[in-house]
């Protein structure tokens, strides 16, 4: 157990434990979460505030569970746990709001993990570091090449781009820096369109306001149908969604964290604690429902069939393609 948790876990009563929890989060968690989220998402903006708040809620719920339930695994490195939670929170947002950048990141990560000349590992602050396999013990460089230095690398030739990046830098790099370089080299948008700025000519422009509103309406229709599913079908479907489809409901404003927890008949604290574990494997969902893995699969198939009958192509939007 990490020593910074000792005072909180050893508190003699609930009032004292809540005081210790507040101090623990304020002193040891909040600054680290804010630093990581700001670095990943680009400084002060509403996304930084929302993601930071969500990560802090998860941490609060997890710490309370750890104190109340001796069967919950102890946290032996609190700073690493906090950093990982912060990175996961950023990953959820990026995957939902910036799918092109997320797909590029996934392709780069796949090459780094499966090509023996490359390696991917975590730094002490939870950041993913990448480089040549023999560089694992080296510190990452703070300077990355610019996109124009990679202009001659063919579009989407991921391994060629990685080899060139590491040749230019001569040291490991933060994975997010490599994603930014690749996105710049290949003209992949990294941010959503801001209506206050001129629209540049791009291959994949942001949707018009009317199109965005139409899409939000379709997401709301999908959510309404999911809420009408039998409770066990909701569990089998929502807790196993791929591609962060749940995040689509949150970021579109269709449903809040509390709304989704209510749809699952769970306390919001319990659902928040599950967030980093999603999607749950069928065996885990079966344990929660007190049934077999095959019954979970059958429940999810029944839910999908009902949604397909009622919604047709409406469910085939954004992250909800996984339905």
Foldseek 3Di string as FASTA:
>chain_A
DAPLCVQLLPPPDDVSNVVSLVVSCVPQQLVLLLVLLCVLVPHDDVLSVVLSVLLSLLVSLLSVCVSVDVVRDDDHQVQLVSLQSSVLSSLLVCLQAPVVLNVLLVLLVVCQVPPQQKHWDADSSRFIKIAGPVQVVPDADPDWDALVVCLPPDQPPNVVLRVVRCVVVVHIHGSSVSSNSNCRNRVRDDDADDPVDDFDDGPDHHDDPVVLVVLLVLLLVLVVLLLVAPLLLNLLAVLAQPSSPVVNCPVSVSDHLCRSCVSNVHHSSVSSNCVSVPNPQLCVSCVVVVHDSVVSVVSPVVSVVVSCVVRPCSQCDRSSVRD
